[in-house]
Amino acid sequence: MLITIIYVLIFIIFALILFSVMQIKMAGMNVKDFWSFIKANELLDELYIYAKKGGSFTPQEQVIFLMEAEKVFNAFDKVPNMLWDEEYQKYREVLNKYKDIKVLRWASN
């Protein structure tokens, strides 16, 4: 009896995973792109904190911020906009800080 319950639970878990993958595919995404979007969403939260911090960054912090922001932008470009509507304000704030740093670095060269 216990073994049967375990098999049923394992089957349900695999069915849910398969269903999730099918939903991601039907949305026109790759599973890898969706996973990178999830990771980028976490990174966006961190970058948002730094973008709101104000003040100036050291040149090393600027380079790191630019590289990490580009990772976020690339990941967000690969998924439909409807997935990240709630994060749009954070995305905009990081994008504005990204542009400010780019202009600052361009002007200093």
Protein backbone atom coordinates (compact mmCIF):
# COMPACT_ATOMS: atom_id res chain seq x y z
CA MET A 1 0.00 0.00 0.00
CA LEU A 2 2.76 2.46 0.93
CA ILE A 3 4.69 1.68 -2.26
CA THR A 4 1.59 2.39 -4.35
CA ILE A 5 1.16 5.78 -2.73
CA ILE A 6 4.83 6.60 -3.38
CA TYR A 7 4.47 5.61 -7.05
CA VAL A 8 1.34 7.74 -7.41
CA LEU A 9 3.08 10.74 -5.82
CA ILE A 10 6.11 10.32 -8.10
CA PHE A 11 3.80 10.11 -11.12
CA ILE A 12 2.00 13.29 -10.03
CA ILE A 13 5.31 15.13 -9.59
CA PHE A 14 6.49 14.12 -13.06
CA ALA A 15 3.11 15.07 -14.53
CA LEU A 16 3.31 18.52 -12.93
CA ILE A 17 6.85 19.05 -14.21
CA LEU A 18 5.84 17.98 -17.71
CA PHE A 19 2.80 20.25 -17.57
CA SER A 20 5.00 23.20 -16.50
CA VAL A 21 7.46 22.58 -19.31
CA MET A 22 4.61 22.36 -21.82
CA GLN A 23 3.18 25.66 -20.57
CA ILE A 24 6.57 27.35 -20.94
CA LYS A 25 6.94 25.94 -24.47
CA MET A 26 3.41 27.04 -25.40
CA ALA A 27 4.29 30.56 -24.28
CA GLY A 28 7.04 30.51 -26.89
CA MET A 29 9.98 30.26 -24.52
CA ASN A 30 12.72 27.81 -23.82
CA VAL A 31 12.99 26.38 -20.33
CA LYS A 32 16.56 27.68 -20.18
CA ASP A 33 15.35 31.22 -21.02
CA PHE A 34 12.66 31.01 -18.38
CA TRP A 35 15.17 29.83 -15.77
CA SER A 36 17.56 32.66 -16.69
CA PHE A 37 14.63 35.07 -16.33
CA ILE A 38 13.98 33.81 -12.80
CA LYS A 39 17.65 34.30 -11.89
CA ALA A 40 17.70 37.72 -13.57
CA ASN A 41 14.64 38.73 -11.60
CA GLU A 42 16.56 38.10 -8.38
CA LEU A 43 19.50 40.07 -9.74
CA LEU A 44 17.15 42.90 -10.75
CA ASP A 45 16.10 43.27 -7.12
CA GLU A 46 19.73 43.69 -6.06
CA LEU A 47 20.52 46.14 -8.86
CA TYR A 48 17.40 48.12 -8.02
CA ILE A 49 18.65 48.63 -4.49
CA TYR A 50 21.97 49.94 -5.82
CA ALA A 51 20.25 52.13 -8.40
CA LYS A 52 18.06 53.72 -5.72
CA LYS A 53 21.02 54.17 -3.39
CA GLY A 54 22.08 57.33 -5.14
CA GLY A 55 25.54 58.72 -4.90
CA SER A 56 28.29 57.82 -7.27
CA PHE A 57 29.87 54.46 -7.85
CA THR A 58 33.55 53.78 -8.05
CA PRO A 59 34.78 52.87 -11.55
CA GLN A 60 34.89 49.18 -10.53
CA GLU A 61 31.34 49.31 -9.19
CA GLN A 62 30.23 50.99 -12.41
CA VAL A 63 31.70 48.21 -14.54
CA ILE A 64 30.14 45.52 -12.36
CA PHE A 65 26.77 47.29 -12.41
CA LEU A 66 26.89 47.61 -16.21
CA MET A 67 27.77 43.94 -16.72
CA GLU A 68 25.11 42.68 -14.33
CA ALA A 69 22.48 45.02 -15.78
CA GLU A 70 23.23 43.74 -19.29
CA LYS A 71 22.64 40.19 -18.06
CA VAL A 72 19.26 41.26 -16.70
CA PHE A 73 18.31 43.08 -19.90
CA ASN A 74 19.24 40.08 -22.05
CA ALA A 75 17.23 37.68 -19.89
CA PHE A 76 14.19 39.97 -19.82
CA ASP A 77 14.31 40.39 -23.62
CA LYS A 78 13.83 36.63 -24.08
CA VAL A 79 10.52 36.40 -22.23
CA PRO A 80 7.13 37.97 -23.01
CA ASN A 81 6.50 41.36 -21.44
CA MET A 82 3.40 40.12 -19.65
CA LEU A 83 5.64 38.04 -17.35
CA TRP A 84 7.46 41.03 -15.95
CA ASP A 85 4.83 43.77 -15.90
CA GLU A 86 5.03 43.88 -12.11
CA GLU A 87 8.80 44.42 -12.26
CA TYR A 88 8.64 47.18 -14.88
CA GLN A 89 9.31 50.01 -12.43
CA LYS A 90 12.44 48.29 -11.10
CA TYR A 91 13.54 47.52 -14.65
CA ARG A 92 13.10 51.19 -15.64
CA GLU A 93 15.04 52.43 -12.62
CA VAL A 94 17.95 50.06 -13.34
CA LEU A 95 17.85 51.00 -17.03
CA ASN A 96 18.00 54.71 -16.18
CA LYS A 97 20.96 54.17 -13.86
CA TYR A 98 22.60 52.04 -16.58
CA LYS A 99 22.17 54.88 -19.08
CA ASP A 100 23.52 57.44 -16.60
CA ILE A 101 26.64 55.37 -15.95
CA LYS A 102 27.17 54.79 -19.68
CA VAL A 103 26.94 58.53 -20.39
CA LEU A 104 29.23 59.34 -17.46
CA ARG A 105 31.83 56.83 -18.61
CA TRP A 106 31.54 58.02 -22.23
CA ALA A 107 32.00 61.66 -21.15
CA SER A 108 35.03 60.83 -19.04
CA ASN A 109 36.76 59.11 -21.97
